[in-house]
Amino acid sequence: MNIIDGGVTTPKGFKATGVHCGIKKERLDLAMIYSDRPAIAACAYTQNKMRAAPVELMIQRHSEKLQGFIVNSGNANAITGPQGMKDAITMSDTAAKALGVRPELVGVASTGVIGRFLPMDKLVPGIERIATELGQGREYDHRANMAILTTDKTIKEAACQVTLKDGTVITIAGMAKGSGMISPSMKTKHATTLSFITTDAVLTKPPEWKWQETINKSFNMINVDGDQSTNDISVLMANGAAGGRPVDDNHDFWNGVLYVLQSLAKQVVLDGEGATKLIELKVTGAKTDREARTAGRWIISSSLVKTAIFGADPNFGRVLAALGNSGSEFDLNKLRLTIGSNGEEVVLFEGGVPLVKPCSEAEVRARKLLSDHNIAMHLELGVGNGQAEAWGCDLTYEYVKINAEYTT
């Protein structure tokens, strides 16, 4: 795998861009991705039962292929009743007509404020215009990425290339948005994070099981604030433009997909609303990988753990309490918890007893490490070989301020 500088138009056959259509006052607010041929597609959606209209439409209409995607920001089109579904259909149908493809080949997504109707008088002409302005290259990648942002401070991109045994070079790239209302639990056929992965690799059928596996190890293992969005969606589009052998079961290809997804997921956490620190948690020694994932998600979702990290407080009790609530099995006498940064670490708990006493040298070292921006935590459960990684961020005063003023 070769990590490269790239975005959603780097794989062969893809175009994209972003425009301002008037949902927001000044910022880009409408993005489109287009493949020059129908692409095998896999989608993962939020499990929040209060699903937004575009998610409902995707579940009802999406089959095995997609050729385009239209995405607006600034308005979630969520909890908007029959009118919301009608507007989502109009978005998809308008984009399909402008691109000259069938409506079922065009996906739709929205992100922004919940409970407000879309300004269709602005969206429809915007969709008709954006279809004529598509292009390839880094400028077009960035415009598309900027257009899907809400409270995000930065765009989020990742790309890599994989050389197959037959010599074919395939490219995998993606873009994402998300900074608040982030606690994805996406499942195929049933994500606010939005992520779009494009590849010119050949797939013979929708890779639902493989896609779910990579989502479980990436976006489903991040947390900013514990709230799962009404609009979360993660999409893979494989148009086969690179040629070569199919990659349905190619280990190197799926490692590339996982790299892109994990890179985007970490970027979402780093850009969490008001966040100042990235928490990287590794759980080992679990009974199963699934229990390791459960423990990891529960811990990085804990508000008490997040606030302790924000305050550089080595409060191991909060981490262990969260573990105890997760339902995952562990052996207290074999439990080991460390925190670290920049290659240094301090053992907080081991063998059933705390190892950091108040006002001790170890506590001073722990507080210093917790003052860094990247915090590494390792929790050994001592009951098996299961393992997982999870990523989160601290919970700050700024998060409260941003969300207290969100609709104003």
Protein backbone atom coordinates (compact mmCIF):
# COMPACT_ATOMS: atom_id res chain seq x y z
CA MET A 1 0.00 0.00 0.00
CA ASN A 2 1.28 3.44 -0.98
CA ILE A 3 -0.22 6.43 0.84
CA ILE A 4 -0.75 9.33 -1.56
CA ASP A 5 -2.09 12.89 -1.61
CA GLY A 6 -5.52 12.54 -3.14
CA GLY A 7 -9.27 12.91 -2.89
CA VAL A 8 -12.49 11.51 -4.31
CA THR A 9 -11.57 12.34 -7.94
CA THR A 10 -8.11 10.70 -7.77
CA PRO A 11 -9.40 7.21 -8.74
CA LYS A 12 -9.98 6.91 -12.51
CA GLY A 13 -13.41 7.84 -13.82
CA PHE A 14 -14.60 10.06 -10.96
CA LYS A 15 -15.49 13.75 -11.00
CA ALA A 16 -16.75 16.04 -8.23
CA THR A 17 -17.12 19.63 -7.10
CA GLY A 18 -18.85 21.90 -4.61
CA VAL A 19 -20.87 25.08 -5.11
CA HIS A 20 -22.78 27.67 -3.10
CA CYS A 21 -26.51 27.39 -3.77
CA GLY A 22 -27.83 29.58 -0.94
CA ILE A 23 -28.62 27.28 1.98
CA LYS A 24 -25.76 28.97 3.84
CA LYS A 25 -25.06 32.67 3.62
CA GLU A 26 -21.62 32.46 2.05
CA ARG A 27 -19.97 29.03 2.38
CA LEU A 28 -20.15 26.21 -0.16
CA ASP A 29 -23.19 24.08 0.64
CA LEU A 30 -23.80 21.63 -2.21
CA ALA A 31 -21.51 18.81 -3.37
CA MET A 32 -21.72 16.24 -6.15
CA ILE A 33 -19.71 13.10 -6.90
CA TYR A 34 -20.04 11.42 -10.31
CA SER A 35 -18.62 8.28 -11.91
CA ASP A 36 -18.40 8.01 -15.71
CA ARG A 37 -19.94 4.53 -15.40
CA PRO A 38 -22.24 2.82 -12.86
CA ALA A 39 -20.25 1.74 -9.80
CA ILE A 40 -20.77 -1.23 -7.52
CA ALA A 41 -21.85 0.36 -4.25
CA ALA A 42 -22.09 -0.47 -0.57
CA CYS A 43 -23.73 1.79 1.99
CA ALA A 44 -23.87 1.86 5.78
CA TYR A 45 -26.54 3.88 7.54
CA THR A 46 -27.31 5.22 10.98
CA GLN A 47 -29.20 2.97 13.38
CA ASN A 48 -30.94 5.95 14.93
CA LYS A 49 -34.66 5.16 14.50
CA MET A 50 -35.33 8.87 13.88
CA ARG A 51 -33.75 8.57 10.43
CA ALA A 52 -33.58 11.60 8.15
CA ALA A 53 -35.50 11.61 4.86
CA PRO A 54 -32.43 11.11 2.61
CA VAL A 55 -31.41 8.05 4.65
CA GLU A 56 -34.92 6.61 4.31
CA LEU A 57 -34.83 7.25 0.58
CA MET A 58 -31.45 5.54 0.22
CA ILE A 59 -32.69 2.47 2.10
CA GLN A 60 -35.79 2.27 -0.09
CA ARG A 61 -34.24 3.08 -3.47
CA HIS A 62 -30.57 2.01 -3.41
CA SER A 63 -29.80 -1.39 -4.93
CA GLU A 64 -26.39 -2.60 -6.10
CA LYS A 65 -25.03 0.33 -8.11
CA LEU A 66 -24.60 4.10 -7.89
CA GLN A 67 -23.28 6.54 -10.46
CA GLY A 68 -23.68 9.83 -8.65
CA PHE A 69 -24.25 11.39 -5.25
CA ILE A 70 -25.74 14.77 -4.36
CA VAL A 71 -25.07 16.16 -0.86
CA ASN A 72 -26.18 19.37 0.81
CA SER A 73 -25.00 20.90 4.07
CA GLY A 74 -26.62 23.47 6.35
CA ASN A 75 -29.92 21.59 6.55
CA ALA A 76 -30.33 17.96 7.64
CA ASN A 77 -33.80 17.40 6.13
CA ALA A 78 -34.50 15.35 9.26
CA ILE A 79 -37.81 15.09 11.15
CA THR A 80 -39.51 16.95 8.30
CA GLY A 81 -42.41 14.57 7.60
CA PRO A 82 -43.79 13.75 4.12
CA GLN A 83 -42.42 17.03 2.73
CA GLY A 84 -38.91 15.97 3.70
CA MET A 85 -39.18 12.71 1.74
CA LYS A 86 -40.64 14.56 -1.24
CA ASP A 87 -37.70 16.99 -1.17
CA ALA A 88 -35.14 14.18 -0.94
CA ILE A 89 -36.72 12.51 -3.98
CA THR A 90 -36.65 15.83 -5.84
CA MET A 91 -32.94 16.23 -5.06
CA SER A 92 -32.15 12.76 -6.41
CA ASP A 93 -34.40 13.07 -9.46
CA THR A 94 -33.09 16.54 -10.36
CA ALA A 95 -29.50 15.35 -10.11
CA ALA A 96 -30.27 12.25 -12.18
CA LYS A 97 -31.85 14.33 -14.95
CA ALA A 98 -28.93 16.78 -14.94
CA LEU A 99 -26.42 13.90 -15.16
CA GLY A 100 -28.45 11.91 -17.69
CA VAL A 101 -28.73 8.77 -15.56
CA ARG A 102 -31.54 6.82 -13.93
CA PRO A 103 -32.77 8.19 -10.54
CA GLU A 104 -32.00 4.95 -8.71
CA LEU A 105 -28.32 5.48 -9.63
CA VAL A 106 -28.10 8.78 -7.74
CA GLY A 107 -27.69 8.81 -3.98
CA VAL A 108 -28.62 11.71 -1.73
CA ALA A 109 -27.41 12.89 1.67
CA SER A 110 -27.99 15.95 3.87
CA THR A 111 -26.37 17.38 6.99
CA GLY A 112 -27.02 20.40 9.17
CA VAL A 113 -29.81 21.71 11.37
CA ILE A 114 -32.61 19.24 12.17
CA GLY A 115 -36.31 20.04 11.76
CA ARG A 116 -36.21 22.62 8.97
CA PHE A 117 -37.49 22.27 5.42
CA LEU A 118 -35.01 22.45 2.57
CA PRO A 119 -35.11 25.64 0.46
CA MET A 120 -35.92 23.78 -2.76
CA ASP A 121 -36.16 27.03 -4.73
CA LYS A 122 -32.40 27.33 -4.16
CA LEU A 123 -31.47 23.66 -4.23
CA VAL A 124 -33.01 22.70 -7.57
CA PRO A 125 -31.18 25.35 -9.66
CA GLY A 126 -28.05 24.64 -7.62
CA ILE A 127 -28.21 20.94 -8.55
CA GLU A 128 -28.79 21.77 -12.21
CA ARG A 129 -25.75 24.06 -12.15
CA ILE A 130 -23.34 21.82 -10.22
CA ALA A 131 -23.76 19.00 -12.75
CA THR A 132 -22.21 21.29 -15.40
CA GLU A 133 -19.21 22.24 -13.24
CA LEU A 134 -17.80 18.82 -12.34
CA GLY A 135 -14.08 18.20 -12.73
CA GLN A 136 -11.07 16.15 -11.65
CA GLY A 137 -8.10 17.18 -9.52
CA ARG A 138 -7.31 18.53 -6.10
CA GLU A 139 -9.27 21.78 -6.53
CA TYR A 140 -12.43 19.83 -7.28
CA ASP A 141 -11.75 17.42 -4.39
CA HIS A 142 -11.43 20.32 -1.99
CA ARG A 143 -14.52 22.12 -3.24
CA ALA A 144 -16.62 18.98 -2.80
CA ASN A 145 -15.21 18.42 0.68
CA MET A 146 -15.73 22.04 1.75
CA ALA A 147 -19.35 21.87 0.60
CA ILE A 148 -20.32 19.07 3.01
CA LEU A 149 -18.93 20.71 6.18
CA THR A 150 -21.06 22.12 9.00
CA THR A 151 -19.27 22.99 12.26
CA ASP A 152 -16.11 21.29 10.95
CA LYS A 153 -12.97 23.41 11.02
CA THR A 154 -11.08 21.43 8.37
CA ILE A 155 -11.70 19.17 5.38
CA LYS A 156 -11.01 15.46 5.82
CA GLU A 157 -9.41 13.43 3.04
CA ALA A 158 -7.33 10.27 2.62
CA ALA A 159 -6.04 8.24 -0.31
CA CYS A 160 -3.79 5.29 -1.11
CA GLN A 161 -2.81 3.04 -3.98
CA VAL A 162 -2.47 -0.74 -4.08
CA THR A 163 -0.66 -2.74 -6.75
CA LEU A 164 -2.34 -6.06 -7.53
CA LYS A 165 -0.41 -9.21 -8.38
CA ASP A 166 -1.25 -8.74 -12.07
CA GLY A 167 0.44 -5.32 -11.97
CA THR A 168 -2.77 -3.26 -11.94
CA VAL A 169 -2.54 -0.14 -9.78
CA ILE A 170 -5.82 0.69 -8.07
CA THR A 171 -6.59 3.85 -6.15
CA ILE A 172 -8.80 4.20 -3.06
CA ALA A 173 -9.74 7.67 -1.83
CA GLY A 174 -12.31 9.32 0.36
CA MET A 175 -13.68 12.42 2.00
CA ALA A 176 -15.67 12.85 5.19
CA LYS A 177 -17.34 15.41 7.39
CA GLY A 178 -18.19 15.37 11.06
CA SER A 179 -17.33 17.17 14.28
CA GLY A 180 -20.39 16.96 16.51
CA MET A 181 -23.27 14.51 17.07
CA ILE A 182 -20.65 11.83 16.50
CA SER A 183 -21.17 8.35 17.87
CA PRO A 184 -21.71 6.26 14.75
CA SER A 185 -23.12 2.77 14.86
CA MET A 186 -23.67 2.15 11.19
CA LYS A 187 -24.90 -1.02 9.60
CA THR A 188 -25.21 -1.99 5.96
CA LYS A 189 -28.71 -1.77 4.55
CA HIS A 190 -30.19 -0.30 7.62
CA ALA A 191 -24.17 7.31 9.48
CA THR A 192 -23.54 13.46 11.74
CA THR A 193 -20.77 11.65 9.88
CA LEU A 194 -20.86 11.53 6.13
CA SER A 195 -18.11 9.66 4.31
CA PHE A 196 -17.68 8.84 0.64
CA ILE A 197 -15.08 6.35 -0.59
CA THR A 198 -14.29 6.09 -4.30
CA THR A 199 -12.13 3.45 -5.99
CA ASP A 200 -11.36 2.39 -9.55
CA ALA A 201 -11.00 -1.25 -8.47
CA VAL A 202 -13.19 -4.00 -9.93
CA LEU A 203 -15.84 -5.51 -7.65
CA THR A 204 -18.27 -8.12 -8.94
CA LYS A 205 -20.99 -7.52 -6.35
CA PRO A 206 -21.76 -5.24 -3.37
CA PRO A 207 -19.29 -6.22 -0.62
CA GLU A 208 -21.72 -5.91 2.26
CA TRP A 209 -19.90 -8.19 4.72
CA LYS A 210 -16.43 -6.74 3.99
CA TRP A 211 -17.81 -3.20 4.08
CA GLN A 212 -19.46 -3.82 7.44
CA GLU A 213 -16.21 -5.26 8.81
CA THR A 214 -14.19 -2.19 7.81
CA ILE A 215 -16.89 0.17 9.15
CA ASN A 216 -16.83 -1.74 12.45
CA LYS A 217 -13.07 -1.16 12.70
CA SER A 218 -13.18 2.53 11.77
CA PHE A 219 -16.21 4.84 12.00
CA ASN A 220 -18.05 2.56 14.42
CA MET A 221 -15.09 2.92 16.82
CA ILE A 222 -15.09 6.71 17.19
CA ASN A 223 -16.94 9.00 19.55
CA VAL A 224 -17.12 12.76 20.07
CA ASP A 225 -20.20 13.32 22.20
CA GLY A 226 -22.15 10.06 22.46
CA ASP A 227 -25.03 11.17 20.23
CA GLN A 228 -25.71 9.18 17.07
CA SER A 229 -26.88 11.35 14.22
CA THR A 230 -30.13 11.02 12.28
CA ASN A 231 -28.18 11.39 9.02
CA ASP A 232 -25.03 9.23 9.23
CA ILE A 233 -24.08 7.46 6.02
CA SER A 234 -20.89 5.90 4.68
CA VAL A 235 -20.67 4.96 1.00
CA LEU A 236 -18.25 2.94 -1.12
CA MET A 237 -18.34 3.32 -4.92
CA ALA A 238 -16.16 1.00 -7.05
CA ASN A 239 -16.37 1.76 -10.78
CA GLY A 240 -13.74 -0.71 -12.08
CA ALA A 241 -12.06 1.90 -14.31
CA ALA A 242 -8.55 0.65 -13.42
CA GLY A 243 -9.32 -2.81 -14.82
CA GLY A 244 -7.44 -5.87 -13.57
CA ARG A 245 -8.74 -8.76 -11.53
CA PRO A 246 -11.72 -8.40 -9.19
CA VAL A 247 -10.76 -7.48 -5.62
CA ASP A 248 -13.80 -8.87 -3.80
CA ASP A 249 -11.60 -11.05 -1.58
CA ASN A 250 -8.27 -9.26 -2.05
CA HIS A 251 -6.64 -8.73 1.36
CA ASP A 252 -4.41 -5.85 0.15
CA PHE A 253 -7.36 -3.98 -1.31
CA TRP A 254 -9.41 -4.22 1.87
CA ASN A 255 -6.40 -3.14 3.92
CA GLY A 256 -6.30 -0.05 1.71
CA VAL A 257 -10.01 0.59 2.28
CA LEU A 258 -9.50 0.18 6.03
CA TYR A 259 -6.58 2.65 5.96
CA VAL A 260 -8.71 5.30 4.24
CA LEU A 261 -11.66 4.75 6.58
CA GLN A 262 -9.55 4.82 9.75
CA SER A 263 -7.68 7.92 8.58
CA LEU A 264 -10.97 9.73 7.93
CA ALA A 265 -12.42 8.53 11.25
CA LYS A 266 -9.43 9.86 13.19
CA GLN A 267 -9.66 13.18 11.35
CA VAL A 268 -13.31 13.46 12.39
CA VAL A 269 -12.36 12.92 16.04
CA LEU A 270 -9.47 15.41 15.82
CA ASP A 271 -11.96 17.99 14.54
CA GLY A 272 -14.52 17.24 17.26
CA GLU A 273 -16.40 20.32 18.36
CA GLY A 274 -14.19 22.12 20.86
CA ALA A 275 -11.79 19.17 21.03
CA THR A 276 -8.19 19.74 22.12
CA LYS A 277 -6.98 16.14 22.43
CA LEU A 278 -7.16 12.89 20.49
CA ILE A 279 -7.64 9.76 22.60
CA GLU A 280 -6.37 6.53 21.05
CA LEU A 281 -7.44 3.51 23.09
CA LYS A 282 -6.19 -0.01 22.49
CA VAL A 283 -8.03 -2.84 24.23
CA THR A 284 -6.31 -6.24 24.38
CA GLY A 285 -6.84 -9.51 26.22
CA ALA A 286 -10.61 -9.48 25.72
CA LYS A 287 -12.66 -12.65 25.44
CA THR A 288 -13.46 -11.80 21.79
CA ASP A 289 -12.78 -8.98 19.33
CA ARG A 290 -16.43 -8.01 19.65
CA GLU A 291 -16.14 -7.61 23.43
CA ALA A 292 -12.95 -5.59 22.92
CA ARG A 293 -14.84 -3.25 20.56
CA THR A 294 -17.69 -2.93 23.06
CA ALA A 295 -15.32 -2.05 25.90
CA GLY A 296 -13.42 0.42 23.72
CA ARG A 297 -16.54 2.23 22.52
CA TRP A 298 -18.00 2.39 26.03
CA ILE A 299 -14.84 3.92 27.49
CA ILE A 300 -14.20 6.54 24.81
CA SER A 301 -17.92 7.45 24.95
CA SER A 302 -17.83 8.20 28.70
CA SER A 303 -18.29 11.90 29.45
CA LEU A 304 -16.40 11.41 32.71
CA VAL A 305 -13.42 9.88 30.92
CA LYS A 306 -13.51 12.69 28.34
CA THR A 307 -13.57 15.44 30.96
CA ALA A 308 -10.77 13.78 32.92
CA ILE A 309 -8.62 13.80 29.77
CA PHE A 310 -9.50 17.45 29.17
CA GLY A 311 -8.38 18.29 32.70
CA ALA A 312 -5.22 16.14 32.46
CA ASP A 313 -6.50 14.14 35.44
CA PRO A 314 -5.13 10.54 35.60
CA ASN A 315 -8.39 9.29 37.09
CA PHE A 316 -8.13 5.56 36.32
CA GLY A 317 -11.35 4.96 38.26
CA ARG A 318 -13.40 6.58 35.52
CA VAL A 319 -11.90 4.30 32.88
CA LEU A 320 -12.43 1.17 34.95
CA ALA A 321 -15.97 2.19 35.90
CA ALA A 322 -16.78 2.62 32.21
CA LEU A 323 -15.29 -0.82 31.53
CA GLY A 324 -17.45 -2.32 34.28
CA ASN A 325 -20.55 -0.82 32.66
CA SER A 326 -19.66 -2.11 29.20
CA GLY A 327 -20.63 -5.71 29.90
CA SER A 328 -17.28 -7.02 28.64
CA GLU A 329 -15.58 -9.70 30.70
CA PHE A 330 -12.25 -9.02 32.46
CA ASP A 331 -10.03 -10.38 35.22
CA LEU A 332 -9.41 -7.64 37.77
CA ASN A 333 -6.19 -9.29 38.95
CA LYS A 334 -4.83 -9.32 35.39
CA LEU A 335 -6.16 -5.91 34.42
CA ARG A 336 -3.53 -3.37 33.31
CA LEU A 337 -4.14 0.26 32.33
CA THR A 338 -1.52 2.63 30.97
CA ILE A 339 -1.60 6.15 29.56
CA GLY A 340 1.11 7.65 27.43
CA SER A 341 2.22 10.17 24.83
CA ASN A 342 5.23 10.57 22.54
CA GLY A 343 6.58 7.13 23.40
CA GLU A 344 6.38 7.57 27.20
CA GLU A 345 3.83 5.84 29.40
CA VAL A 346 2.72 5.52 33.00
CA VAL A 347 1.00 2.46 34.47
CA LEU A 348 -2.12 3.63 36.31
CA PHE A 349 -3.52 0.28 37.42
CA GLU A 350 -2.17 -3.29 37.48
CA GLY A 351 -2.72 -6.54 39.34
CA GLY A 352 -5.86 -5.33 41.08
CA VAL A 353 -4.29 -2.23 42.67
CA PRO A 354 -3.73 1.42 41.69
CA LEU A 355 -0.11 2.36 41.02
CA VAL A 356 -0.46 6.15 40.99
CA LYS A 357 -0.84 7.80 44.38
CA PRO A 358 -1.89 11.42 44.96
CA CYS A 359 1.00 13.92 44.78
CA SER A 360 3.45 11.15 43.80
CA GLU A 361 6.11 11.45 41.09
CA ALA A 362 4.06 9.03 38.98
CA GLU A 363 1.02 11.31 39.20
CA VAL A 364 3.10 14.32 38.13
CA ARG A 365 4.38 12.36 35.13
CA ALA A 366 0.87 11.17 34.26
CA ARG A 367 -0.55 14.70 34.37
CA LYS A 368 2.28 15.93 32.13
CA LEU A 369 1.57 13.19 29.57
CA LEU A 370 -2.15 13.95 29.67
CA SER A 371 -1.39 17.58 28.83
CA ASP A 372 -0.25 16.57 25.34
CA HIS A 373 -2.57 16.61 22.33
CA ASN A 374 -2.33 12.90 21.47
CA ILE A 375 -3.16 10.56 24.35
CA ALA A 376 -2.52 6.82 24.06
CA MET A 377 -4.33 4.46 26.43
CA HIS A 378 -3.81 0.70 26.63
CA LEU A 379 -6.16 -1.54 28.58
CA GLU A 380 -5.37 -5.24 29.02
CA LEU A 381 -8.41 -7.27 30.17
CA GLY A 382 -6.61 -10.57 30.84
CA VAL A 383 -9.29 -13.03 29.70
CA GLY A 384 -8.49 -13.89 26.06
CA ASN A 385 -6.99 -12.81 22.76
CA GLY A 386 -9.62 -10.33 21.55
CA GLN A 387 -8.48 -6.83 20.68
CA ALA A 388 -9.70 -3.58 19.18
CA GLU A 389 -8.85 0.09 18.80
CA ALA A 390 -11.13 3.06 19.49
CA TRP A 391 -10.70 6.80 19.04
CA GLY A 392 -12.26 9.69 20.91
CA CYS A 393 -11.62 13.24 22.03
CA ASP A 394 -11.89 15.29 25.18
CA LEU A 395 -15.05 17.12 26.21
CA THR A 396 -14.45 20.84 26.66
CA TYR A 397 -16.17 24.09 27.60
CA GLU A 398 -16.08 25.03 23.92
CA TYR A 399 -18.23 22.01 23.01
CA VAL A 400 -20.99 23.28 25.29
CA LYS A 401 -20.73 26.79 23.81
CA ILE A 402 -20.89 25.59 20.20
CA ASN A 403 -23.94 23.40 20.78
CA ALA A 404 -25.74 25.88 23.04
CA GLU A 405 -25.70 28.30 20.10
CA TYR A 406 -26.05 25.79 17.23
CA THR A 407 -29.30 27.01 15.64
CA THR A 408 -28.52 30.68 16.22
